[in-house]
C-alpha cells in the first residue's frame, strides 16, 4: 500500500527535546506522517529523554526488549516492565521539578503515564506525545506509516534527535530550577519547558 503524500515525516521519541518540537511546529498547519515501521535503531532517543537535575543533565531511559534483535520494528518493541521504571522515572521527575512554577499545574496530566502499564513503546509514546500536544494547546493532524520507506520526497525528520543535528541549536533562554548551579540548558525535554513556563511554553518554541 502506498503512503499518502505528506508534508513531513517524523519518528516518535520519549518526551522529545525542544529542537524536535521546533521542527515539528514548522509543519503544524499541515499533515504529518509518523514513522511506525522502521527498525528500532541503537542508542536512540525513542526511549530516552534528558531533564535538568541538581547535578546537571540527567538521562531517563525506558527499558525495552527487541524480539528480533536489531531487526525489530519500532511498533513491535516491547517495554520491559520487570523493573519498576515508571516509579523511578516519576520519582526523578518529581524530585527535579517539584519546585518549578507549573509542575503542580500539569502533574495530574502526566502521572497516569507512570502508573498505567503499557506493553509496546510505540503505543506509550503516541499517548504521551498526544498529551504533550494537549498541554501545549496544539492541534496537529498526523497519521502513521503502513510500510517502511528508506527515503521520502518530503522533509525527513526521523533521526532529528541526534547530536550532529542539534549541536548548533540554541533555544530562547527561560528560567530553570537549577540554572543558578550550571547555567541554562537549552535543549532538554519538553517537560522542562512546560514545568518551568507553563502556558507560555508555546511562545518560547515559536
N, C-alpha and C. Protein backbone atom coordinates (compact mmCIF):
# COMPACT_ATOMS: atom_id res chain seq x y z
N UNK A 1 0.84 -1.20 0.00
CA UNK A 1 0.00 0.00 0.00
C UNK A 1 0.87 1.25 0.00
N UNK A 2 0.62 2.15 -0.91
CA UNK A 2 1.41 3.38 -1.00
C UNK A 2 1.01 4.35 0.10
N UNK A 3 2.02 5.06 0.62
CA UNK A 3 1.76 6.06 1.64
C UNK A 3 1.22 7.33 0.98
N UNK A 4 0.37 8.08 1.66
CA UNK A 4 -0.14 9.33 1.10
C UNK A 4 0.95 10.38 1.06
N UNK A 5 0.78 11.34 0.19
CA UNK A 5 1.73 12.46 0.13
C UNK A 5 1.53 13.33 1.36
N UNK A 6 2.61 13.55 2.11
CA UNK A 6 2.54 14.35 3.33
C UNK A 6 3.57 15.45 3.28
N UNK A 7 3.50 16.35 4.22
CA UNK A 7 4.41 17.48 4.22
C UNK A 7 5.73 17.20 4.93
N UNK A 8 5.75 16.21 5.85
CA UNK A 8 6.98 15.85 6.55
C UNK A 8 6.76 14.53 7.26
N UNK A 9 7.85 13.83 7.54
CA UNK A 9 7.77 12.58 8.28
C UNK A 9 8.67 12.67 9.51
N UNK A 10 8.14 12.24 10.65
CA UNK A 10 8.86 12.25 11.91
C UNK A 10 8.79 10.87 12.55
N UNK A 11 9.72 10.59 13.45
CA UNK A 11 9.59 9.45 14.33
C UNK A 11 9.11 9.97 15.68
N UNK A 12 8.75 9.05 16.57
CA UNK A 12 8.31 9.44 17.91
C UNK A 12 9.40 9.16 18.93
N UNK A 13 9.58 10.10 19.85
CA UNK A 13 10.59 9.98 20.88
C UNK A 13 9.94 10.11 22.26
N UNK A 14 10.64 9.63 23.26
CA UNK A 14 10.16 9.73 24.64
C UNK A 14 10.42 11.14 25.16
N UNK A 15 9.34 11.87 25.47
CA UNK A 15 9.47 13.24 25.98
C UNK A 15 10.47 14.04 25.15
N UNK A 16 10.17 14.28 23.87
CA UNK A 16 11.14 14.88 22.93
C UNK A 16 11.70 16.22 23.40
N UNK A 17 12.87 16.56 22.86
CA UNK A 17 13.51 17.82 23.25
C UNK A 17 12.96 19.00 22.46
N UNK A 18 13.46 20.18 22.77
CA UNK A 18 12.93 21.40 22.16
C UNK A 18 13.23 21.50 20.67
N UNK A 19 14.39 21.00 20.26
CA UNK A 19 14.74 21.03 18.84
C UNK A 19 13.72 20.24 18.03
N UNK A 20 13.30 19.10 18.54
CA UNK A 20 12.28 18.29 17.88
C UNK A 20 11.00 19.08 17.69
N UNK A 21 10.56 19.75 18.76
CA UNK A 21 9.30 20.48 18.68
C UNK A 21 9.41 21.72 17.78
N UNK A 22 10.58 22.34 17.73
CA UNK A 22 10.76 23.48 16.82
C UNK A 22 10.53 23.03 15.38
N UNK A 23 11.07 21.88 15.01
CA UNK A 23 10.90 21.37 13.66
C UNK A 23 9.47 20.89 13.43
N UNK A 24 8.90 20.25 14.43
CA UNK A 24 7.52 19.75 14.32
C UNK A 24 6.55 20.90 14.12
N UNK A 25 6.76 21.99 14.85
CA UNK A 25 5.86 23.13 14.76
C UNK A 25 5.94 23.85 13.41
N UNK A 26 7.04 23.66 12.72
CA UNK A 26 7.17 24.27 11.40
C UNK A 26 6.14 23.70 10.42
N UNK A 27 5.60 22.51 10.76
CA UNK A 27 4.61 21.86 9.90
C UNK A 27 3.26 21.72 10.60
N UNK A 28 3.03 22.55 11.60
CA UNK A 28 1.82 22.41 12.41
C UNK A 28 0.53 22.68 11.64
N UNK A 29 0.60 23.37 10.54
CA UNK A 29 -0.60 23.65 9.75
C UNK A 29 -0.79 22.63 8.63
N UNK A 30 0.02 21.60 8.63
CA UNK A 30 -0.04 20.59 7.58
C UNK A 30 -0.23 19.21 8.21
N UNK A 31 -0.38 18.22 7.36
CA UNK A 31 -0.49 16.85 7.86
C UNK A 31 0.90 16.25 7.99
N UNK A 32 1.13 15.52 9.08
CA UNK A 32 2.43 14.94 9.36
C UNK A 32 2.32 13.42 9.41
N UNK A 33 3.32 12.76 8.88
CA UNK A 33 3.38 11.31 8.90
C UNK A 33 4.33 10.86 10.00
N UNK A 34 3.87 9.94 10.84
CA UNK A 34 4.69 9.41 11.94
C UNK A 34 5.18 8.02 11.57
N UNK A 35 6.50 7.82 11.65
CA UNK A 35 7.10 6.54 11.31
C UNK A 35 6.76 5.46 12.35
N UNK A 36 6.23 4.36 11.86
CA UNK A 36 5.84 3.25 12.74
C UNK A 36 6.53 1.94 12.36
N UNK A 37 7.06 1.88 11.14
CA UNK A 37 7.54 0.62 10.59
C UNK A 37 9.07 0.49 10.53
N UNK A 38 9.79 1.50 10.98
CA UNK A 38 11.25 1.45 10.92
C UNK A 38 11.82 0.42 11.89
N UNK A 39 13.02 -0.08 11.57
CA UNK A 39 13.75 -0.90 12.52
C UNK A 39 14.21 -0.01 13.67
N UNK A 40 14.08 -0.52 14.88
CA UNK A 40 14.40 0.28 16.06
C UNK A 40 15.91 0.49 16.14
N UNK A 41 16.39 1.74 16.01
CA UNK A 41 17.83 1.98 15.98
C UNK A 41 18.48 1.88 17.36
N UNK A 42 19.79 1.63 17.34
CA UNK A 42 20.54 1.57 18.59
C UNK A 42 20.74 2.98 19.15
N UNK A 43 20.93 3.05 20.47
CA UNK A 43 21.25 4.30 21.15
C UNK A 43 20.33 5.43 20.69
N UNK A 44 19.06 5.18 20.74
CA UNK A 44 18.09 6.12 20.23
C UNK A 44 17.41 6.89 21.34
N UNK A 45 16.88 8.05 21.00
CA UNK A 45 16.09 8.83 21.95
C UNK A 45 14.62 8.43 21.90
N UNK A 46 14.31 7.38 21.14
CA UNK A 46 12.93 6.91 21.09
C UNK A 46 12.48 6.37 22.44
N UNK A 47 13.43 5.95 23.25
CA UNK A 47 13.11 5.50 24.61
C UNK A 47 13.95 6.22 25.67
N UNK A 48 14.44 7.41 25.30
CA UNK A 48 15.32 8.13 26.23
C UNK A 48 15.05 9.63 26.16
N UNK A 49 15.18 10.29 27.30
CA UNK A 49 14.96 11.74 27.39
C UNK A 49 15.97 12.35 28.35
N UNK A 50 16.18 13.67 28.22
CA UNK A 50 17.11 14.38 29.09
C UNK A 50 16.38 15.48 29.86
N UNK A 51 16.59 15.49 31.17
CA UNK A 51 16.00 16.52 32.02
C UNK A 51 17.10 17.18 32.84
N UNK A 52 16.73 18.24 33.58
CA UNK A 52 17.69 19.01 34.37
C UNK A 52 17.56 18.59 35.83
N UNK A 53 18.62 18.01 36.37
CA UNK A 53 18.64 17.59 37.77
C UNK A 53 19.56 18.50 38.57
N UNK A 54 19.59 18.37 39.90
CA UNK A 54 20.51 19.20 40.70
C UNK A 54 21.97 19.00 40.33
N UNK A 55 22.27 17.86 39.67
CA UNK A 55 23.64 17.55 39.29
C UNK A 55 23.90 17.74 37.80
N UNK A 56 22.99 18.42 37.12
CA UNK A 56 23.15 18.66 35.69
C UNK A 56 22.18 17.83 34.86
N UNK A 57 22.53 17.61 33.60
CA UNK A 57 21.65 16.86 32.70
C UNK A 57 21.58 15.40 33.13
N UNK A 58 20.35 14.88 33.18
CA UNK A 58 20.11 13.51 33.62
C UNK A 58 19.32 12.77 32.55
N UNK A 59 19.75 11.56 32.23
CA UNK A 59 19.07 10.73 31.24
C UNK A 59 18.01 9.86 31.90
N UNK A 60 16.83 9.83 31.30
CA UNK A 60 15.79 8.89 31.68
C UNK A 60 15.66 7.89 30.54
N UNK A 61 15.76 6.60 30.83
CA UNK A 61 15.73 5.59 29.78
C UNK A 61 14.69 4.52 30.09
N UNK A 62 13.80 4.26 29.13
CA UNK A 62 12.80 3.22 29.27
C UNK A 62 13.41 1.90 28.84
N UNK A 63 13.42 0.89 29.71
CA UNK A 63 13.98 -0.42 29.32
C UNK A 63 13.08 -1.10 28.29
N UNK A 64 13.69 -1.64 27.24
CA UNK A 64 12.91 -2.28 26.17
C UNK A 64 13.52 -3.62 25.81
N UNK A 65 12.71 -4.43 25.12
CA UNK A 65 13.17 -5.72 24.61
C UNK A 65 12.94 -5.76 23.11
N UNK A 66 13.89 -6.37 22.39
CA UNK A 66 13.80 -6.50 20.93
C UNK A 66 13.63 -7.97 20.59
N UNK A 67 12.44 -8.36 20.17
CA UNK A 67 12.16 -9.76 19.88
C UNK A 67 12.98 -10.29 18.71
N UNK A 68 13.32 -9.40 17.76
CA UNK A 68 14.12 -9.79 16.59
C UNK A 68 15.44 -9.06 16.54
N UNK A 69 15.97 -8.72 17.71
CA UNK A 69 17.25 -8.04 17.77
C UNK A 69 17.20 -6.69 17.07
N UNK A 70 18.24 -6.40 16.29
CA UNK A 70 18.31 -5.12 15.59
C UNK A 70 17.30 -4.99 14.46
N UNK A 71 16.63 -6.08 14.14
CA UNK A 71 15.64 -6.06 13.05
C UNK A 71 14.22 -5.90 13.58
N UNK A 72 14.09 -5.62 14.85
CA UNK A 72 12.76 -5.45 15.43
C UNK A 72 12.16 -4.13 14.97
N UNK A 73 10.94 -4.18 14.47
CA UNK A 73 10.25 -2.98 14.02
C UNK A 73 9.80 -2.16 15.23
N UNK A 74 9.86 -0.84 15.09
CA UNK A 74 9.53 0.06 16.21
C UNK A 74 8.20 -0.31 16.87
N UNK A 75 7.16 -0.54 16.06
CA UNK A 75 5.83 -0.82 16.62
C UNK A 75 5.81 -2.11 17.44
N UNK A 76 6.81 -2.97 17.24
CA UNK A 76 6.86 -4.25 17.95
C UNK A 76 7.79 -4.23 19.16
N UNK A 77 8.47 -3.13 19.37
CA UNK A 77 9.35 -3.02 20.54
C UNK A 77 8.51 -3.04 21.81
N UNK A 78 8.88 -3.92 22.73
CA UNK A 78 8.14 -4.04 23.97
C UNK A 78 8.88 -3.37 25.13
N UNK A 79 8.11 -2.80 26.02
CA UNK A 79 8.67 -2.21 27.23
C UNK A 79 8.94 -3.33 28.22
N UNK A 80 10.10 -3.31 28.83
CA UNK A 80 10.45 -4.30 29.85
C UNK A 80 9.98 -3.78 31.20
N UNK A 81 8.94 -4.38 31.71
CA UNK A 81 8.37 -3.94 32.98
C UNK A 81 8.81 -4.80 34.16
N UNK A 82 9.94 -5.50 33.99
CA UNK A 82 10.46 -6.32 35.09
C UNK A 82 10.90 -5.46 36.26
N UNK A 83 11.40 -4.26 35.95
CA UNK A 83 11.74 -3.30 37.00
C UNK A 83 10.69 -2.20 37.00
N UNK A 84 10.54 -1.55 38.12
CA UNK A 84 9.51 -0.51 38.24
C UNK A 84 10.07 0.81 37.72
N UNK A 85 10.38 0.84 36.43
CA UNK A 85 10.99 2.02 35.83
C UNK A 85 10.05 3.23 35.89
N UNK A 86 8.74 2.99 35.82
CA UNK A 86 7.80 4.11 35.85
C UNK A 86 7.86 4.84 37.19
N UNK A 87 7.91 4.07 38.25
CA UNK A 87 8.02 4.68 39.58
C UNK A 87 9.32 5.47 39.70
N UNK A 88 10.40 4.92 39.17
CA UNK A 88 11.71 5.58 39.24
C UNK A 88 11.69 6.87 38.41
N UNK A 89 11.13 6.81 37.20
CA UNK A 89 11.09 8.00 36.36
C UNK A 89 10.24 9.10 36.99
N UNK A 90 9.08 8.73 37.49
CA UNK A 90 8.21 9.77 38.04
C UNK A 90 8.80 10.34 39.34
N UNK A 91 9.40 9.51 40.14
CA UNK A 91 10.05 9.99 41.36
C UNK A 91 11.18 10.96 41.00
N UNK A 92 11.92 10.64 39.95
CA UNK A 92 13.01 11.50 39.50
C UNK A 92 12.48 12.81 38.95
N UNK A 93 11.45 12.74 38.10
CA UNK A 93 10.85 13.94 37.53
C UNK A 93 10.30 14.83 38.64
N UNK A 94 9.62 14.23 39.60
CA UNK A 94 9.06 15.00 40.73
C UNK A 94 10.16 15.67 41.52
N UNK A 95 11.23 14.94 41.78
CA UNK A 95 12.35 15.49 42.54
C UNK A 95 12.99 16.68 41.82
N UNK A 96 13.08 16.59 40.50
CA UNK A 96 13.73 17.64 39.72
C UNK A 96 12.84 18.86 39.51
N UNK A 97 11.51 18.66 39.45
CA UNK A 97 10.63 19.75 39.03
C UNK A 97 9.55 20.14 40.03
N UNK A 98 9.56 19.55 41.21
CA UNK A 98 8.50 19.88 42.17
C UNK A 98 8.55 21.35 42.59
N UNK A 99 9.70 21.99 42.48
CA UNK A 99 9.82 23.41 42.83
C UNK A 99 9.68 24.34 41.62
N UNK A 100 9.37 23.77 40.45
CA UNK A 100 9.16 24.61 39.27
C UNK A 100 7.79 25.26 39.37
N UNK A 101 7.61 26.32 38.62
CA UNK A 101 6.40 27.15 38.75
C UNK A 101 5.11 26.42 38.36
N UNK A 102 5.19 25.47 37.41
CA UNK A 102 3.96 24.90 36.88
C UNK A 102 3.88 23.38 37.01
N UNK A 103 4.75 22.77 37.81
CA UNK A 103 4.71 21.31 37.94
C UNK A 103 3.35 20.84 38.43
N UNK A 104 2.82 21.47 39.46
CA UNK A 104 1.53 21.05 40.02
C UNK A 104 0.40 21.26 39.02
N UNK A 105 0.56 22.22 38.12
CA UNK A 105 -0.46 22.50 37.11
C UNK A 105 -0.62 21.34 36.13
N UNK A 106 0.51 20.66 35.81
CA UNK A 106 0.49 19.56 34.84
C UNK A 106 0.60 18.18 35.48
N UNK A 107 0.85 18.13 36.76
CA UNK A 107 1.13 16.86 37.43
C UNK A 107 0.05 15.80 37.16
N UNK A 108 -1.19 16.15 37.33
CA UNK A 108 -2.28 15.17 37.17
C UNK A 108 -2.40 14.68 35.73
N UNK A 109 -1.93 15.45 34.77
CA UNK A 109 -1.99 15.04 33.37
C UNK A 109 -0.92 14.02 33.03
N UNK A 110 0.23 14.11 33.70
CA UNK A 110 1.35 13.25 33.35
C UNK A 110 1.51 12.03 34.24
N UNK A 111 1.06 12.10 35.46
CA UNK A 111 1.26 10.98 36.38
C UNK A 111 0.65 9.68 35.88
N UNK A 112 -0.49 9.66 35.15
CA UNK A 112 -1.03 8.38 34.67
C UNK A 112 -0.07 7.61 33.78
N UNK A 113 0.84 8.30 33.09
CA UNK A 113 1.79 7.62 32.22
C UNK A 113 2.89 6.92 33.01
N UNK A 114 2.89 7.14 34.30
CA UNK A 114 3.85 6.47 35.17
C UNK A 114 3.14 5.54 36.16
N UNK A 115 1.91 5.24 35.83
CA UNK A 115 1.11 4.29 36.62
C UNK A 115 0.54 3.18 35.75
N UNK A 116 -0.05 3.55 34.61
CA UNK A 116 -0.62 2.56 33.70
C UNK A 116 0.49 1.78 33.02
N UNK A 117 0.33 0.47 32.95
CA UNK A 117 1.32 -0.38 32.30
C UNK A 117 1.04 -0.47 30.80
N UNK A 118 2.06 -0.25 30.03
CA UNK A 118 2.00 -0.38 28.58
C UNK A 118 2.84 -1.58 28.14
N UNK A 119 2.42 -2.22 27.06
CA UNK A 119 3.17 -3.34 26.51
C UNK A 119 4.19 -2.85 25.48
N UNK A 120 3.75 -1.98 24.57
CA UNK A 120 4.61 -1.54 23.48
C UNK A 120 5.05 -0.08 23.65
N UNK A 121 6.30 0.17 23.36
CA UNK A 121 6.87 1.51 23.48
C UNK A 121 6.17 2.49 22.55
N UNK A 122 5.87 2.06 21.33
CA UNK A 122 5.25 2.97 20.37
C UNK A 122 3.91 3.48 20.88
N UNK A 123 3.10 2.60 21.42
CA UNK A 123 1.79 2.99 21.96
C UNK A 123 1.95 3.97 23.11
N UNK A 124 2.93 3.70 23.94
CA UNK A 124 3.21 4.60 25.07
C UNK A 124 3.61 5.98 24.58
N UNK A 125 4.52 6.02 23.61
CA UNK A 125 5.00 7.30 23.09
C UNK A 125 3.90 8.07 22.38
N UNK A 126 3.02 7.37 21.68
CA UNK A 126 1.90 8.03 21.00
C UNK A 126 0.99 8.71 22.01
N UNK A 127 0.61 7.98 23.05
CA UNK A 127 -0.31 8.54 24.05
C UNK A 127 0.34 9.69 24.81
N UNK A 128 1.62 9.55 25.15
CA UNK A 128 2.32 10.60 25.88
C UNK A 128 2.51 11.83 25.00
N UNK A 129 2.83 11.61 23.74
CA UNK A 129 3.00 12.72 22.80
C UNK A 129 1.69 13.47 22.61
N UNK A 130 0.59 12.74 22.54
CA UNK A 130 -0.72 13.36 22.40
C UNK A 130 -1.03 14.24 23.60
N UNK A 131 -0.65 13.80 24.79
CA UNK A 131 -0.85 14.59 25.99
C UNK A 131 0.02 15.85 25.97
N UNK A 132 1.24 15.72 25.48
CA UNK A 132 2.12 16.89 25.39
C UNK A 132 1.52 17.94 24.47
N UNK A 133 1.01 17.51 23.31
CA UNK A 133 0.37 18.45 22.39
C UNK A 133 -0.82 19.13 23.06
N UNK A 134 -1.58 18.36 23.83
CA UNK A 134 -2.73 18.92 24.56
C UNK A 134 -2.26 19.95 25.58
N UNK A 135 -1.17 19.65 26.27
CA UNK A 135 -0.63 20.58 27.27
C UNK A 135 -0.15 21.87 26.62
N UNK A 136 0.37 21.75 25.40
CA UNK A 136 0.82 22.92 24.65
C UNK A 136 -0.33 23.64 23.95
N UNK A 137 -1.53 23.04 24.05
CA UNK A 137 -2.73 23.56 23.38
C UNK A 137 -2.53 23.61 21.87
N UNK A 138 -2.00 22.51 21.36
CA UNK A 138 -1.74 22.38 19.93
C UNK A 138 -2.63 21.30 19.32
N UNK A 139 -3.20 21.60 18.17
CA UNK A 139 -3.95 20.61 17.40
C UNK A 139 -3.19 20.38 16.09
N UNK A 140 -2.59 19.21 15.98
CA UNK A 140 -1.79 18.88 14.80
C UNK A 140 -2.27 17.55 14.24
N UNK A 141 -2.55 17.51 12.96
CA UNK A 141 -3.01 16.28 12.32
C UNK A 141 -1.82 15.41 11.94
N UNK A 142 -1.90 14.13 12.31
CA UNK A 142 -0.85 13.20 11.89
C UNK A 142 -1.44 11.81 11.72
N UNK A 143 -0.75 11.00 10.92
CA UNK A 143 -1.12 9.60 10.72
C UNK A 143 0.16 8.78 10.76
N UNK A 144 0.03 7.47 10.60
CA UNK A 144 1.18 6.58 10.76
C UNK A 144 1.51 5.84 9.46
N UNK A 145 2.78 5.49 9.31
CA UNK A 145 3.21 4.75 8.13
C UNK A 145 2.63 3.34 8.14
N UNK A 146 2.31 2.83 6.96
CA UNK A 146 1.85 1.46 6.80
C UNK A 146 2.96 0.54 6.34
N UNK A 147 3.94 1.11 5.66
CA UNK A 147 5.11 0.37 5.19
C UNK A 147 6.34 1.23 5.43
N UNK A 148 7.50 0.61 5.40
CA UNK A 148 8.74 1.37 5.59
C UNK A 148 9.31 1.81 4.25
N UNK A 149 9.75 3.04 4.17
CA UNK A 149 10.45 3.57 3.00
C UNK A 149 11.73 4.24 3.48
N UNK A 150 12.83 3.92 2.84
CA UNK A 150 14.12 4.48 3.27
C UNK A 150 14.21 5.97 3.01
N UNK A 151 13.56 6.43 1.93
CA UNK A 151 13.60 7.84 1.59
C UNK A 151 12.19 8.34 1.24
N UNK A 152 12.00 9.63 1.42
CA UNK A 152 10.74 10.29 1.09
C UNK A 152 11.03 11.56 0.31
N UNK A 153 10.06 11.99 -0.48
CA UNK A 153 10.22 13.24 -1.23
C UNK A 153 10.06 14.46 -0.34
N UNK A 154 9.35 14.30 0.76
CA UNK A 154 9.15 15.40 1.69
C UNK A 154 10.23 15.40 2.78
N UNK A 155 10.34 16.48 3.55
CA UNK A 155 11.35 16.55 4.61
C UNK A 155 11.26 15.36 5.56
N UNK A 156 12.42 14.78 5.86
CA UNK A 156 12.51 13.57 6.67
C UNK A 156 13.20 13.89 8.00
N UNK A 157 12.44 13.83 9.10
CA UNK A 157 12.97 14.16 10.42
C UNK A 157 13.00 12.93 11.34
N UNK A 158 13.10 11.75 10.77
CA UNK A 158 13.05 10.54 11.59
C UNK A 158 14.24 10.40 12.53
N UNK A 159 15.35 10.99 12.16
CA UNK A 159 16.53 10.94 13.03
C UNK A 159 16.91 12.33 13.50
N UNK A 160 15.89 13.11 13.82
CA UNK A 160 16.11 14.52 14.17
C UNK A 160 16.87 14.69 15.48
N UNK A 161 16.66 13.79 16.44
CA UNK A 161 17.34 13.95 17.73
C UNK A 161 18.63 13.15 17.72
N UNK A 162 19.63 13.73 17.11
CA UNK A 162 20.99 13.19 17.09
C UNK A 162 21.93 14.34 17.41
N UNK A 163 23.05 14.03 18.03
CA UNK A 163 23.99 15.07 18.43
C UNK A 163 24.41 15.93 17.24
N UNK A 164 24.60 15.30 16.09
CA UNK A 164 25.07 16.06 14.93
C UNK A 164 24.01 17.02 14.39
N UNK A 165 22.74 16.75 14.74
CA UNK A 165 21.66 17.60 14.25
C UNK A 165 21.30 18.72 15.22
N UNK A 166 21.65 18.57 16.48
CA UNK A 166 21.20 19.51 17.49
C UNK A 166 22.31 20.38 18.07
N UNK A 167 23.55 20.13 17.71
CA UNK A 167 24.65 20.81 18.37
C UNK A 167 24.65 22.32 18.15
N UNK A 168 24.06 22.79 17.05
CA UNK A 168 24.03 24.21 16.78
C UNK A 168 22.71 24.87 17.19
N UNK A 169 21.81 24.11 17.77
CA UNK A 169 20.52 24.65 18.16
C UNK A 169 20.64 25.41 19.48
N UNK A 170 20.14 26.63 19.52
CA UNK A 170 20.15 27.45 20.73
C UNK A 170 18.72 27.88 21.03
N UNK A 171 18.16 27.38 22.11
CA UNK A 171 16.80 27.75 22.49
C UNK A 171 16.78 29.11 23.16
N UNK A 172 15.67 29.77 23.06
CA UNK A 172 15.48 31.04 23.76
C UNK A 172 15.56 30.77 25.26
N UNK A 173 16.41 31.47 26.02
CA UNK A 173 16.57 31.20 27.45
C UNK A 173 15.28 31.43 28.23
N UNK A 174 15.07 30.59 29.20
CA UNK A 174 13.95 30.73 30.13
C UNK A 174 14.42 30.27 31.51
N UNK A 175 13.69 30.61 32.55
CA UNK A 175 14.10 30.24 33.90
C UNK A 175 14.02 28.74 34.09
N UNK A 176 15.08 28.16 34.68
CA UNK A 176 15.10 26.75 35.04
C UNK A 176 15.43 26.62 36.52
N UNK A 177 14.93 25.59 37.15
CA UNK A 177 15.05 25.43 38.59
C UNK A 177 16.51 25.47 39.06
N UNK A 178 17.41 24.82 38.29
CA UNK A 178 18.79 24.70 38.73
C UNK A 178 19.77 25.51 37.89
N UNK A 179 19.27 26.53 37.18
CA UNK A 179 20.19 27.27 36.32
C UNK A 179 21.19 28.12 37.10
N UNK A 180 20.96 28.29 38.40
CA UNK A 180 21.93 29.02 39.21
C UNK A 180 23.16 28.17 39.51
N UNK A 181 23.07 26.86 39.23
CA UNK A 181 24.18 25.95 39.52
C UNK A 181 25.06 25.72 38.29
N UNK A 182 24.43 25.42 37.16
CA UNK A 182 25.20 25.10 35.96
C UNK A 182 24.78 25.91 34.74
N UNK A 183 23.97 26.93 34.95
CA UNK A 183 23.55 27.76 33.84
C UNK A 183 22.41 27.17 33.04
N UNK A 184 22.02 27.87 32.01
CA UNK A 184 20.87 27.47 31.20
C UNK A 184 21.21 26.27 30.31
N UNK A 185 20.33 25.28 30.30
CA UNK A 185 20.46 24.11 29.43
C UNK A 185 19.36 24.24 28.37
N UNK A 186 19.75 24.48 27.13
CA UNK A 186 18.81 24.94 26.13
C UNK A 186 18.10 23.92 25.26
N UNK A 187 18.34 22.62 25.45
CA UNK A 187 17.70 21.67 24.56
C UNK A 187 17.31 20.39 25.30
N UNK A 188 16.62 20.57 26.40
CA UNK A 188 16.19 19.42 27.20
C UNK A 188 14.81 18.96 26.76
N UNK A 189 14.26 18.00 27.49
CA UNK A 189 12.92 17.50 27.20
C UNK A 189 11.90 18.63 27.28
N UNK A 190 10.84 18.48 26.52
CA UNK A 190 9.76 19.46 26.51
C UNK A 190 9.16 19.68 27.90
N UNK A 191 9.24 18.67 28.78
CA UNK A 191 8.65 18.85 30.11
C UNK A 191 9.43 19.87 30.93
N UNK A 192 10.72 20.05 30.62
CA UNK A 192 11.49 21.09 31.32
C UNK A 192 10.89 22.45 31.02
N UNK A 193 10.56 22.69 29.77
CA UNK A 193 9.94 23.96 29.36
C UNK A 193 8.53 24.08 29.93
N UNK A 194 7.74 23.03 29.83
CA UNK A 194 6.36 23.05 30.34
C UNK A 194 6.30 23.33 31.83
N UNK A 195 7.08 22.61 32.60
CA UNK A 195 7.02 22.75 34.05
C UNK A 195 7.56 24.09 34.53
N UNK A 196 8.46 24.68 33.75
CA UNK A 196 9.03 25.97 34.15
C UNK A 196 8.27 27.17 33.60
N UNK A 197 7.64 27.01 32.42
CA UNK A 197 6.99 28.15 31.78
C UNK A 197 5.49 28.00 31.61
N UNK A 198 4.96 26.82 31.79
CA UNK A 198 3.51 26.63 31.76
C UNK A 198 2.88 27.08 30.45
N UNK A 199 1.80 27.85 30.52
CA UNK A 199 1.09 28.29 29.31
C UNK A 199 1.94 29.12 28.36
N UNK A 200 3.06 29.64 28.84
CA UNK A 200 3.95 30.43 27.98
C UNK A 200 4.91 29.55 27.18
N UNK A 201 4.88 28.24 27.40
CA UNK A 201 5.85 27.35 26.77
C UNK A 201 5.81 27.45 25.25
N UNK A 202 4.62 27.49 24.70
CA UNK A 202 4.50 27.52 23.24
C UNK A 202 5.15 28.76 22.64
N UNK A 203 5.05 29.88 23.30
CA UNK A 203 5.64 31.12 22.77
C UNK A 203 7.16 31.00 22.71
N UNK A 204 7.76 30.23 23.61
CA UNK A 204 9.22 30.04 23.56
C UNK A 204 9.62 29.17 22.37
N UNK A 205 8.76 28.25 22.01
CA UNK A 205 9.04 27.39 20.87
C UNK A 205 8.83 28.13 19.55
N UNK A 206 7.86 29.05 19.53
CA UNK A 206 7.57 29.80 18.32
C UNK A 206 8.51 30.99 18.16
